[in-house]
Amino acid sequence: MVGWHQYLGKGRRTDGKTDSMNGAYLGPRYSNYKIKAYFNKNGVTYLK
């Protein structure tokens, strides 16, 4: 897609009613508790 948009300068056509990333898979959902537990276990410094 980067080639299509950036290198070839092609636009993205949408009709404003469909698409809108509704079909995108963004990955699993993690709770704040799970994220904090992972950070603590792996010594990650973070701010909440």
C-alpha atoms as a PDB file:
ATOM      1  CA  MET A   1       0.000   0.000   0.000  1.00  0.00           C
ATOM      2  CA  VAL A   2       2.854   2.423   0.703  1.00  0.00           C
ATOM      3  CA  GLY A   3       3.985   1.975  -2.883  1.00  0.00           C
ATOM      4  CA  TRP A   4       0.535   2.742  -4.211  1.00  0.00           C
ATOM      5  CA  HIS A   5       0.022   5.858  -2.103  1.00  0.00           C
ATOM      6  CA  GLN A   6       3.488   7.351  -1.667  1.00  0.00           C
ATOM      7  CA  TYR A   7       5.488   6.248  -4.688  1.00  0.00           C
ATOM      8  CA  LEU A   8       2.772   6.301  -7.304  1.00  0.00           C
ATOM      9  CA  GLY A   9       0.803   9.172  -5.753  1.00  0.00           C
ATOM     10  CA  LYS A  10      -2.492   7.271  -5.981  1.00  0.00           C
ATOM     11  CA  GLY A  11      -5.346   8.330  -3.776  1.00  0.00           C
ATOM     12  CA  ARG A  12      -7.672   6.233  -1.687  1.00  0.00           C
ATOM     13  CA  ARG A  13     -11.292   6.221  -2.748  1.00  0.00           C
ATOM     14  CA  THR A  14     -14.022   5.892  -0.159  1.00  0.00           C
ATOM     15  CA  ASP A  15     -17.700   6.624  -0.303  1.00  0.00           C
ATOM     16  CA  GLY A  16     -17.933   7.920   3.268  1.00  0.00           C
ATOM     17  CA  LYS A  17     -20.367   5.155   4.216  1.00  0.00           C
ATOM     18  CA  THR A  18     -18.337   1.975   4.089  1.00  0.00           C
ATOM     19  CA  ASP A  19     -14.771   1.033   4.900  1.00  0.00           C
ATOM     20  CA  SER A  20     -13.503   3.424   7.615  1.00  0.00           C
ATOM     21  CA  MET A  21     -11.164   0.636   8.799  1.00  0.00           C
ATOM     22  CA  ASN A  22     -14.129  -1.398  10.040  1.00  0.00           C
ATOM     23  CA  GLY A  23     -12.656  -4.500   8.446  1.00  0.00           C
ATOM     24  CA  ALA A  24      -9.175  -3.966   9.899  1.00  0.00           C
ATOM     25  CA  TYR A  25      -7.755  -6.429  12.375  1.00  0.00           C
ATOM     26  CA  LEU A  26      -5.838  -4.407  14.926  1.00  0.00           C
ATOM     27  CA  GLY A  27      -4.819  -7.309  17.139  1.00  0.00           C
ATOM     28  CA  PRO A  28      -5.907  -8.588  20.518  1.00  0.00           C
ATOM     29  CA  ARG A  29      -7.151  -6.376  23.317  1.00  0.00           C
ATOM     30  CA  TYR A  30      -5.217  -6.225  26.588  1.00  0.00           C
ATOM     31  CA  SER A  31      -6.457  -4.863  29.903  1.00  0.00           C
ATOM     32  CA  ASN A  32      -4.501  -2.206  31.789  1.00  0.00           C
ATOM     33  CA  TYR A  33      -3.800  -4.846  34.445  1.00  0.00           C
ATOM     34  CA  LYS A  34      -2.192  -7.217  31.913  1.00  0.00           C
ATOM     35  CA  ILE A  35      -0.109  -4.429  30.402  1.00  0.00           C
ATOM     36  CA  LYS A  36       1.091  -3.245  33.816  1.00  0.00           C
ATOM     37  CA  ALA A  37       1.929  -6.819  34.844  1.00  0.00           C
ATOM     38  CA  TYR A  38       3.967  -7.301  31.652  1.00  0.00           C
ATOM     39  CA  PHE A  39       5.846  -4.043  32.177  1.00  0.00           C
ATOM     40  CA  ASN A  40       6.611  -4.870  35.803  1.00  0.00           C
ATOM     41  CA  LYS A  41       7.747  -8.399  34.954  1.00  0.00           C
ATOM     42  CA  ASN A  42      10.091  -7.124  32.228  1.00  0.00           C
ATOM     43  CA  GLY A  43      11.424  -4.070  34.051  1.00  0.00           C
ATOM     44  CA  VAL A  44       9.859  -1.580  31.678  1.00  0.00           C
ATOM     45  CA  THR A  45       9.754   2.024  32.895  1.00  0.00           C
ATOM     46  CA  TYR A  46       6.400   3.661  32.223  1.00  0.00           C
ATOM     47  CA  LEU A  47       4.110   6.501  33.209  1.00  0.00           C
ATOM     48  CA  LYS A  48       0.393   6.201  33.689  1.00  0.00           C
END
